[in-house]
PDB file of all heavy atoms in Angstrom:
ATOM      1  N   GLY A   1       8.217 131.956 -56.988  1.00  0.00           N
ATOM      2  CA  GLY A   1       9.113 132.326 -58.073  1.00  0.00           C
ATOM      3  C   GLY A   1      10.288 131.381 -58.167  1.00  0.00           C
ATOM      4  O   GLY A   1      10.671 130.926 -59.252  1.00  0.00           O
ATOM      5  N   GLU A   2      10.873 131.056 -57.030  1.00  0.00           N
ATOM      6  CA  GLU A   2      12.008 130.133 -56.980  1.00  0.00           C
ATOM      7  C   GLU A   2      11.570 128.738 -57.411  1.00  0.00           C
ATOM      8  O   GLU A   2      12.283 128.049 -58.148  1.00  0.00           O
ATOM      9  CB  GLU A   2      12.572 130.095 -55.555  1.00  0.00           C
ATOM     10  CG  GLU A   2      13.817 129.247 -55.394  1.00  0.00           C
ATOM     11  CD  GLU A   2      14.312 129.218 -53.959  1.00  0.00           C
ATOM     12  OE1 GLU A   2      14.496 130.302 -53.375  1.00  0.00           O
ATOM     13  OE2 GLU A   2      14.502 128.102 -53.426  1.00  0.00           O
ATOM     14  N   ALA A   3      10.384 128.333 -56.967  1.00  0.00           N
ATOM     15  CA  ALA A   3       9.866 127.014 -57.333  1.00  0.00           C
ATOM     16  C   ALA A   3       9.607 126.935 -58.834  1.00  0.00           C
ATOM     17  O   ALA A   3       9.943 125.936 -59.483  1.00  0.00           O
ATOM     18  CB  ALA A   3       8.589 126.718 -56.557  1.00  0.00           C
ATOM     19  N   ALA A   4       9.009 127.988 -59.406  1.00  0.00           N
ATOM     20  CA  ALA A   4       8.713 128.004 -60.838  1.00  0.00           C
ATOM     21  C   ALA A   4       9.989 127.893 -61.664  1.00  0.00           C
ATOM     22  O   ALA A   4      10.044 127.171 -62.666  1.00  0.00           O
ATOM     23  CB  ALA A   4       7.952 129.277 -61.202  1.00  0.00           C
ATOM     24  N   ALA A   5      11.041 128.594 -61.230  1.00  0.00           N
ATOM     25  CA  ALA A   5      12.318 128.540 -61.943  1.00  0.00           C
ATOM     26  C   ALA A   5      12.903 127.131 -61.891  1.00  0.00           C
ATOM     27  O   ALA A   5      13.454 126.630 -62.889  1.00  0.00           O
ATOM     28  CB  ALA A   5      13.298 129.547 -61.340  1.00  0.00           C
ATOM     29  N   ALA A   6      12.771 126.481 -60.745  1.00  0.00           N
ATOM     30  CA  ALA A   6      13.288 125.117 -60.590  1.00  0.00           C
ATOM     31  C   ALA A   6      12.540 124.134 -61.480  1.00  0.00           C
ATOM     32  O   ALA A   6      13.136 123.230 -62.073  1.00  0.00           O
ATOM     33  CB  ALA A   6      13.184 124.682 -59.129  1.00  0.00           C
ATOM     34  N   ILE A   7      11.235 124.335 -61.584  1.00  0.00           N
ATOM     35  CA  ILE A   7      10.411 123.440 -62.404  1.00  0.00           C
ATOM     36  C   ILE A   7      10.752 123.626 -63.885  1.00  0.00           C
ATOM     37  O   ILE A   7      11.017 122.657 -64.605  1.00  0.00           O
ATOM     38  CB  ILE A   7       8.904 123.703 -62.182  1.00  0.00           C
ATOM     39  CG1 ILE A   7       8.533 123.476 -60.713  1.00  0.00           C
ATOM     40  CG2 ILE A   7       8.063 122.794 -63.072  1.00  0.00           C
ATOM     41  CD1 ILE A   7       7.262 124.173 -60.304  1.00  0.00           C
ATOM     42  N   MET A   8      10.762 124.876 -64.336  1.00  0.00           N
ATOM     43  CA  MET A   8      11.045 125.148 -65.747  1.00  0.00           C
ATOM     44  C   MET A   8      12.475 124.776 -66.112  1.00  0.00           C
ATOM     45  O   MET A   8      12.763 124.439 -67.261  1.00  0.00           O
ATOM     46  CB  MET A   8      10.770 126.616 -66.063  1.00  0.00           C
ATOM     47  CG  MET A   8       9.295 126.971 -66.034  1.00  0.00           C
ATOM     48  SD  MET A   8       8.937 128.663 -66.573  1.00  0.00           S
ATOM     49  CE  MET A   8       9.701 129.623 -65.246  1.00  0.00           C
ATOM     50  N   GLY A   9      13.379 124.825 -65.129  1.00  0.00           N
ATOM     51  CA  GLY A   9      14.763 124.458 -65.384  1.00  0.00           C
ATOM     52  C   GLY A   9      14.999 122.961 -65.348  1.00  0.00           C
ATOM     53  O   GLY A   9      16.126 122.495 -65.547  1.00  0.00           O
ATOM     54  N   GLY A  10      13.954 122.185 -65.088  1.00  0.00           N
ATOM     55  CA  GLY A  10      14.074 120.738 -65.061  1.00  0.00           C
ATOM     56  C   GLY A  10      14.739 120.194 -63.813  1.00  0.00           C
ATOM     57  O   GLY A  10      15.172 119.043 -63.770  1.00  0.00           O
ATOM     58  N   HIS A  11      14.798 121.013 -62.755  1.00  0.00           N
ATOM     59  CA  HIS A  11      15.445 120.578 -61.510  1.00  0.00           C
ATOM     60  C   HIS A  11      14.510 119.754 -60.625  1.00  0.00           C
ATOM     61  O   HIS A  11      14.974 119.059 -59.719  1.00  0.00           O
ATOM     62  CB  HIS A  11      15.959 121.797 -60.741  1.00  0.00           C
ATOM     63  CG  HIS A  11      16.911 122.647 -61.535  1.00  0.00           C
ATOM     64  ND1 HIS A  11      18.101 122.156 -62.018  1.00  0.00           N
ATOM     65  CD2 HIS A  11      16.827 123.936 -61.949  1.00  0.00           C
ATOM     66  CE1 HIS A  11      18.728 123.114 -62.692  1.00  0.00           C
ATOM     67  NE2 HIS A  11      17.973 124.197 -62.666  1.00  0.00           N
ATOM     68  N   VAL A  12      13.206 119.867 -60.857  1.00  0.00           N
ATOM     69  CA  VAL A  12      12.237 119.032 -60.154  1.00  0.00           C
ATOM     70  C   VAL A  12      11.248 118.470 -61.170  1.00  0.00           C
ATOM     71  O   VAL A  12      11.044 119.047 -62.237  1.00  0.00           O
ATOM     72  CB  VAL A  12      11.470 119.803 -59.044  1.00  0.00           C
ATOM     73  CG1 VAL A  12      12.408 120.247 -57.944  1.00  0.00           C
ATOM     74  CG2 VAL A  12      10.717 121.000 -59.616  1.00  0.00           C
ATOM     75  N   THR A  13      10.643 117.349 -60.819  1.00  0.00           N
ATOM     76  CA  THR A  13       9.714 116.687 -61.732  1.00  0.00           C
ATOM     77  C   THR A  13       8.384 117.408 -61.815  1.00  0.00           C
ATOM     78  O   THR A  13       7.831 117.626 -62.905  1.00  0.00           O
ATOM     79  CB  THR A  13       9.451 115.235 -61.264  1.00  0.00           C
ATOM     80  OG1 THR A  13      10.686 114.584 -61.025  1.00  0.00           O
ATOM     81  CG2 THR A  13       8.626 114.473 -62.283  1.00  0.00           C
ATOM     82  N   VAL A  14       7.850 117.753 -60.656  1.00  0.00           N
ATOM     83  CA  VAL A  14       6.529 118.377 -60.572  1.00  0.00           C
ATOM     84  C   VAL A  14       6.548 119.444 -59.479  1.00  0.00           C
ATOM     85  O   VAL A  14       7.251 119.294 -58.469  1.00  0.00           O
ATOM     86  CB  VAL A  14       5.435 117.300 -60.294  1.00  0.00           C
ATOM     87  CG1 VAL A  14       5.742 116.536 -59.024  1.00  0.00           C
ATOM     88  CG2 VAL A  14       4.047 117.925 -60.217  1.00  0.00           C
ATOM     89  N   GLY A  15       5.818 120.508 -59.687  1.00  0.00           N
ATOM     90  CA  GLY A  15       5.750 121.571 -58.683  1.00  0.00           C
ATOM     91  C   GLY A  15       4.320 121.762 -58.213  1.00  0.00           C
ATOM     92  O   GLY A  15       3.362 121.405 -58.917  1.00  0.00           O
ATOM     93  N   LEU A  16       4.179 122.301 -57.033  1.00  0.00           N
ATOM     94  CA  LEU A  16       2.842 122.627 -56.539  1.00  0.00           C
ATOM     95  C   LEU A  16       2.901 123.860 -55.652  1.00  0.00           C
ATOM     96  O   LEU A  16       3.831 124.073 -54.887  1.00  0.00           O
ATOM     97  CB  LEU A  16       2.206 121.446 -55.807  1.00  0.00           C
ATOM     98  CG  LEU A  16       2.787 120.924 -54.500  1.00  0.00           C
ATOM     99  CD1 LEU A  16       1.769 120.005 -53.819  1.00  0.00           C
ATOM    100  CD2 LEU A  16       4.072 120.152 -54.702  1.00  0.00           C
ATOM    101  N   SER A  17       1.876 124.696 -55.827  1.00  0.00           N
ATOM    102  CA  SER A  17       1.728 125.918 -55.050  1.00  0.00           C
ATOM    103  C   SER A  17       0.362 126.501 -55.397  1.00  0.00           C
ATOM    104  O   SER A  17      -0.387 125.916 -56.185  1.00  0.00           O
ATOM    105  CB  SER A  17       2.842 126.920 -55.394  1.00  0.00           C
ATOM    106  OG  SER A  17       2.809 128.034 -54.519  1.00  0.00           O
ATOM    107  N   GLY A  18       0.035 127.652 -54.813  1.00  0.00           N
ATOM    108  CA  GLY A  18      -1.206 128.318 -55.166  1.00  0.00           C
ATOM    109  C   GLY A  18      -1.212 128.689 -56.644  1.00  0.00           C
ATOM    110  O   GLY A  18      -0.156 128.999 -57.214  1.00  0.00           O
ATOM    111  N   TYR A  19      -2.381 128.660 -57.263  1.00  0.00           N
ATOM    112  CA  TYR A  19      -2.480 128.899 -58.706  1.00  0.00           C
ATOM    113  C   TYR A  19      -1.799 130.201 -59.116  1.00  0.00           C
ATOM    114  O   TYR A  19      -1.104 130.252 -60.143  1.00  0.00           O
ATOM    115  CB  TYR A  19      -3.949 128.913 -59.150  1.00  0.00           C
ATOM    116  CG  TYR A  19      -4.107 129.216 -60.630  1.00  0.00           C
ATOM    117  CD1 TYR A  19      -3.927 128.214 -61.571  1.00  0.00           C
ATOM    118  CD2 TYR A  19      -4.385 130.511 -61.075  1.00  0.00           C
ATOM    119  CE1 TYR A  19      -4.037 128.484 -62.928  1.00  0.00           C
ATOM    120  CE2 TYR A  19      -4.493 130.787 -62.427  1.00  0.00           C
ATOM    121  CZ  TYR A  19      -4.317 129.776 -63.351  1.00  0.00           C
ATOM    122  OH  TYR A  19      -4.406 130.048 -64.691  1.00  0.00           O
ATOM    123  N   ASN A  20      -1.974 131.252 -58.338  1.00  0.00           N
ATOM    124  CA  ASN A  20      -1.429 132.551 -58.721  1.00  0.00           C
ATOM    125  C   ASN A  20       0.084 132.531 -58.862  1.00  0.00           C
ATOM    126  O   ASN A  20       0.654 133.287 -59.652  1.00  0.00           O
ATOM    127  CB  ASN A  20      -1.834 133.615 -57.693  1.00  0.00           C
ATOM    128  CG  ASN A  20      -1.355 134.998 -58.071  1.00  0.00           C
ATOM    129  OD1 ASN A  20      -1.730 135.533 -59.106  1.00  0.00           O
ATOM    130  ND2 ASN A  20      -0.507 135.573 -57.244  1.00  0.00           N
ATOM    131  N   GLU A  21       0.754 131.667 -58.103  1.00  0.00           N
ATOM    132  CA  GLU A  21       2.220 131.590 -58.172  1.00  0.00           C
ATOM    133  C   GLU A  21       2.692 131.151 -59.561  1.00  0.00           C
ATOM    134  O   GLU A  21       3.783 131.525 -60.001  1.00  0.00           O
ATOM    135  CB  GLU A  21       2.743 130.600 -57.123  1.00  0.00           C
ATOM    136  CG  GLU A  21       2.333 130.901 -55.688  1.00  0.00           C
ATOM    137  CD  GLU A  21       3.258 131.893 -55.007  1.00  0.00           C
ATOM    138  OE1 GLU A  21       4.167 132.420 -55.670  1.00  0.00           O
ATOM    139  OE2 GLU A  21       3.063 132.114 -53.804  1.00  0.00           O
ATOM    140  N   PHE A  22       1.864 130.351 -60.259  1.00  0.00           N
ATOM    141  CA  PHE A  22       2.247 129.815 -61.563  1.00  0.00           C
ATOM    142  C   PHE A  22       1.387 130.348 -62.709  1.00  0.00           C
ATOM    143  O   PHE A  22       1.545 129.911 -63.850  1.00  0.00           O
ATOM    144  CB  PHE A  22       2.138 128.281 -61.552  1.00  0.00           C
ATOM    145  CG  PHE A  22       2.988 127.597 -60.523  1.00  0.00           C
ATOM    146  CD1 PHE A  22       2.470 126.535 -59.784  1.00  0.00           C
ATOM    147  CD2 PHE A  22       4.296 127.997 -60.284  1.00  0.00           C
ATOM    148  CE1 PHE A  22       3.258 125.873 -58.839  1.00  0.00           C
ATOM    149  CE2 PHE A  22       5.081 127.353 -59.335  1.00  0.00           C
ATOM    150  CZ  PHE A  22       4.564 126.287 -58.604  1.00  0.00           C
ATOM    151  N   ALA A  23       0.482 131.263 -62.415  1.00  0.00           N
ATOM    152  CA  ALA A  23      -0.491 131.718 -63.422  1.00  0.00           C
ATOM    153  C   ALA A  23       0.173 132.239 -64.690  1.00  0.00           C
ATOM    154  O   ALA A  23      -0.270 131.925 -65.805  1.00  0.00           O
ATOM    155  CB  ALA A  23      -1.394 132.792 -62.823  1.00  0.00           C
ATOM    156  N   GLY A  24       1.226 133.037 -64.536  1.00  0.00           N
ATOM    157  CA  GLY A  24       1.903 133.611 -65.698  1.00  0.00           C
ATOM    158  C   GLY A  24       2.507 132.549 -66.583  1.00  0.00           C
ATOM    159  O   GLY A  24       2.366 132.588 -67.822  1.00  0.00           O
ATOM    160  N   GLN A  25       3.175 131.567 -65.966  1.00  0.00           N
ATOM    161  CA  GLN A  25       3.827 130.505 -66.738  1.00  0.00           C
ATOM    162  C   GLN A  25       2.807 129.545 -67.352  1.00  0.00           C
ATOM    163  O   GLN A  25       3.041 128.981 -68.421  1.00  0.00           O
ATOM    164  CB  GLN A  25       4.800 129.724 -65.843  1.00  0.00           C
ATOM    165  CG  GLN A  25       6.019 130.511 -65.395  1.00  0.00           C
ATOM    166  CD  GLN A  25       5.749 131.362 -64.160  1.00  0.00           C
ATOM    167  OE1 GLN A  25       4.653 131.323 -63.601  1.00  0.00           O
ATOM    168  NE2 GLN A  25       6.751 132.117 -63.732  1.00  0.00           N
ATOM    169  N   ILE A  26       1.665 129.376 -66.678  1.00  0.00           N
ATOM    170  CA  ILE A  26       0.597 128.548 -67.249  1.00  0.00           C
ATOM    171  C   ILE A  26      -0.003 129.261 -68.466  1.00  0.00           C
ATOM    172  O   ILE A  26      -0.251 128.640 -69.506  1.00  0.00           O
ATOM    173  CB  ILE A  26      -0.491 128.244 -66.199  1.00  0.00           C
ATOM    174  CG1 ILE A  26       0.072 127.290 -65.126  1.00  0.00           C
ATOM    175  CG2 ILE A  26      -1.725 127.637 -66.850  1.00  0.00           C
ATOM    176  CD1 ILE A  26      -0.870 127.062 -63.957  1.00  0.00           C
ATOM    177  N   ALA A  27      -0.209 130.572 -68.340  1.00  0.00           N
ATOM    178  CA  ALA A  27      -0.794 131.354 -69.435  1.00  0.00           C
ATOM    179  C   ALA A  27       0.097 131.349 -70.675  1.00  0.00           C
ATOM    180  O   ALA A  27      -0.401 131.306 -71.811  1.00  0.00           O
ATOM    181  CB  ALA A  27      -1.052 132.784 -68.971  1.00  0.00           C
ATOM    182  N   THR A  28       1.408 131.375 -70.471  1.00  0.00           N
ATOM    183  CA  THR A  28       2.340 131.379 -71.610  1.00  0.00           C
ATOM    184  C   THR A  28       2.749 129.964 -72.028  1.00  0.00           C
ATOM    185  O   THR A  28       3.629 129.796 -72.880  1.00  0.00           O
ATOM    186  CB  THR A  28       3.603 132.187 -71.259  1.00  0.00           C
ATOM    187  OG1 THR A  28       4.201 131.654 -70.060  1.00  0.00           O
ATOM    188  CG2 THR A  28       3.266 133.650 -71.030  1.00  0.00           C
ATOM    189  N   LYS A  29       2.094 128.965 -71.386  1.00  0.00           N
ATOM    190  CA  LYS A  29       2.300 127.553 -71.712  1.00  0.00           C
ATOM    191  C   LYS A  29       3.731 127.061 -71.457  1.00  0.00           C
ATOM    192  O   LYS A  29       4.209 126.116 -72.093  1.00  0.00           O
ATOM    193  CB  LYS A  29       1.872 127.265 -73.159  1.00  0.00           C
ATOM    194  CG  LYS A  29       0.403 127.581 -73.425  1.00  0.00           C
ATOM    195  CD  LYS A  29      -0.047 127.091 -74.767  1.00  0.00           C
ATOM    196  CE  LYS A  29      -1.495 127.466 -75.055  1.00  0.00           C
ATOM    197  NZ  LYS A  29      -2.447 126.994 -74.043  1.00  0.00           N
ATOM    198  N   LYS A  30       4.402 127.704 -70.507  1.00  0.00           N
ATOM    199  CA  LYS A  30       5.709 127.213 -70.089  1.00  0.00           C
ATOM    200  C   LYS A  30       5.551 126.094 -69.057  1.00  0.00           C
ATOM    201  O   LYS A  30       6.431 125.251 -68.899  1.00  0.00           O
ATOM    202  CB  LYS A  30       6.534 128.354 -69.496  1.00  0.00           C
ATOM    203  CG  LYS A  30       6.941 129.413 -70.519  1.00  0.00           C
ATOM    204  CD  LYS A  30       7.724 130.542 -69.852  1.00  0.00           C
ATOM    205  CE  LYS A  30       8.130 131.594 -70.877  1.00  0.00           C
ATOM    206  NZ  LYS A  30       8.854 132.737 -70.228  1.00  0.00           N
ATOM    207  N   LEU A  31       4.413 126.113 -68.362  1.00  0.00           N
ATOM    208  CA  LEU A  31       4.079 125.063 -67.410  1.00  0.00           C
ATOM    209  C   LEU A  31       2.728 124.472 -67.769  1.00  0.00           C
ATOM    210  O   LEU A  31       1.830 125.189 -68.223  1.00  0.00           O
ATOM    211  CB  LEU A  31       4.032 125.626 -65.982  1.00  0.00           C
ATOM    212  CG  LEU A  31       5.349 126.093 -65.360  1.00  0.00           C
ATOM    213  CD1 LEU A  31       5.095 126.701 -63.984  1.00  0.00           C
ATOM    214  CD2 LEU A  31       6.356 124.953 -65.266  1.00  0.00           C
ATOM    215  N   ARG A  32       2.592 123.146 -67.561  1.00  0.00           N
ATOM    216  CA  ARG A  32       1.326 122.478 -67.840  1.00  0.00           C
ATOM    217  C   ARG A  32       0.657 122.092 -66.521  1.00  0.00           C
ATOM    218  O   ARG A  32       1.227 121.348 -65.719  1.00  0.00           O
ATOM    219  CB  ARG A  32       1.561 121.219 -68.674  1.00  0.00           C
ATOM    220  CG  ARG A  32       0.256 120.466 -69.022  1.00  0.00           C
ATOM    221  CD  ARG A  32       0.521 119.098 -69.614  1.00  0.00           C
ATOM    222  NE  ARG A  32       1.426 119.161 -70.732  1.00  0.00           N
ATOM    223  CZ  ARG A  32       2.574 118.494 -70.798  1.00  0.00           C
ATOM    224  NH1 ARG A  32       2.954 117.705 -69.809  1.00  0.00           N
ATOM    225  NH2 ARG A  32       3.341 118.598 -71.865  1.00  0.00           N
ATOM    226  N   PRO A  33      -0.566 122.588 -66.260  1.00  0.00           N
ATOM    227  CA  PRO A  33      -1.260 122.208 -65.023  1.00  0.00           C
ATOM    228  C   PRO A  33      -1.839 120.808 -65.140  1.00  0.00           C
ATOM    229  O   PRO A  33      -2.444 120.455 -66.156  1.00  0.00           O
ATOM    230  CB  PRO A  33      -2.362 123.261 -64.914  1.00  0.00           C
ATOM    231  CG  PRO A  33      -2.650 123.662 -66.328  1.00  0.00           C
ATOM    232  CD  PRO A  33      -1.339 123.557 -67.058  1.00  0.00           C
ATOM    233  N   LEU A  34      -1.643 120.014 -64.075  1.00  0.00           N
ATOM    234  CA  LEU A  34      -2.164 118.658 -64.067  1.00  0.00           C
ATOM    235  C   LEU A  34      -3.437 118.531 -63.248  1.00  0.00           C
ATOM    236  O   LEU A  34      -4.338 117.758 -63.599  1.00  0.00           O
ATOM    237  CB  LEU A  34      -1.122 117.689 -63.500  1.00  0.00           C
ATOM    238  CG  LEU A  34       0.209 117.549 -64.230  1.00  0.00           C
ATOM    239  CD1 LEU A  34       1.099 116.551 -63.484  1.00  0.00           C
ATOM    240  CD2 LEU A  34      -0.004 117.113 -65.675  1.00  0.00           C
ATOM    241  N   ALA A  35      -3.498 119.266 -62.119  1.00  0.00           N
ATOM    242  CA  ALA A  35      -4.649 119.114 -61.222  1.00  0.00           C
ATOM    243  C   ALA A  35      -4.671 120.227 -60.193  1.00  0.00           C
ATOM    244  O   ALA A  35      -3.659 120.880 -59.925  1.00  0.00           O
ATOM    245  CB  ALA A  35      -4.584 117.765 -60.506  1.00  0.00           C
ATOM    246  N   VAL A  36      -5.852 120.434 -59.602  1.00  0.00           N
ATOM    247  CA  VAL A  36      -5.996 121.353 -58.468  1.00  0.00           C
ATOM    248  C   VAL A  36      -6.457 120.541 -57.255  1.00  0.00           C
ATOM    249  O   VAL A  36      -7.052 119.477 -57.398  1.00  0.00           O
ATOM    250  CB  VAL A  36      -7.009 122.492 -58.753  1.00  0.00           C
ATOM    251  CG1 VAL A  36      -6.452 123.484 -59.754  1.00  0.00           C
ATOM    252  CG2 VAL A  36      -8.346 121.934 -59.242  1.00  0.00           C
ATOM    253  N   THR A  37      -6.163 121.066 -56.070  1.00  0.00           N
ATOM    254  CA  THR A  37      -6.476 120.333 -54.832  1.00  0.00           C
ATOM    255  C   THR A  37      -7.812 120.750 -54.234  1.00  0.00           C
ATOM    256  O   THR A  37      -8.044 120.568 -53.039  1.00  0.00           O
ATOM    257  CB  THR A  37      -5.357 120.544 -53.795  1.00  0.00           C
ATOM    258  OG1 THR A  37      -5.308 121.943 -53.433  1.00  0.00           O
ATOM    259  CG2 THR A  37      -4.006 120.112 -54.338  1.00  0.00           C
ATOM    260  N   SER A  38      -8.691 121.290 -55.060  1.00  0.00           N
ATOM    261  CA  SER A  38     -10.006 121.750 -54.604  1.00  0.00           C
ATOM    262  C   SER A  38     -11.043 120.635 -54.745  1.00  0.00           C
ATOM    263  O   SER A  38     -10.829 119.661 -55.468  1.00  0.00           O
ATOM    264  CB  SER A  38     -10.439 122.967 -55.437  1.00  0.00           C
ATOM    265  OG  SER A  38     -10.345 122.682 -56.820  1.00  0.00           O
ATOM    266  N   PRO A  39     -12.193 120.775 -54.064  1.00  0.00           N
ATOM    267  CA  PRO A  39     -13.234 119.752 -54.184  1.00  0.00           C
ATOM    268  C   PRO A  39     -13.910 119.760 -55.554  1.00  0.00           C
ATOM    269  O   PRO A  39     -14.373 118.719 -56.034  1.00  0.00           O
ATOM    270  CB  PRO A  39     -14.229 120.117 -53.073  1.00  0.00           C
ATOM    271  CG  PRO A  39     -13.970 121.557 -52.779  1.00  0.00           C
ATOM    272  CD  PRO A  39     -12.519 121.778 -53.046  1.00  0.00           C
TER     273      PRO A  39
END
């Protein structure tokens, strides 16, 4: 939650965490996913 706020507030360039941490913001298009770390 803290990381998502920092990303949306422009305090960091890029954020990373488990998908569920950002799922809500991705769904509402507040965050844009670039990649996943899966095979």
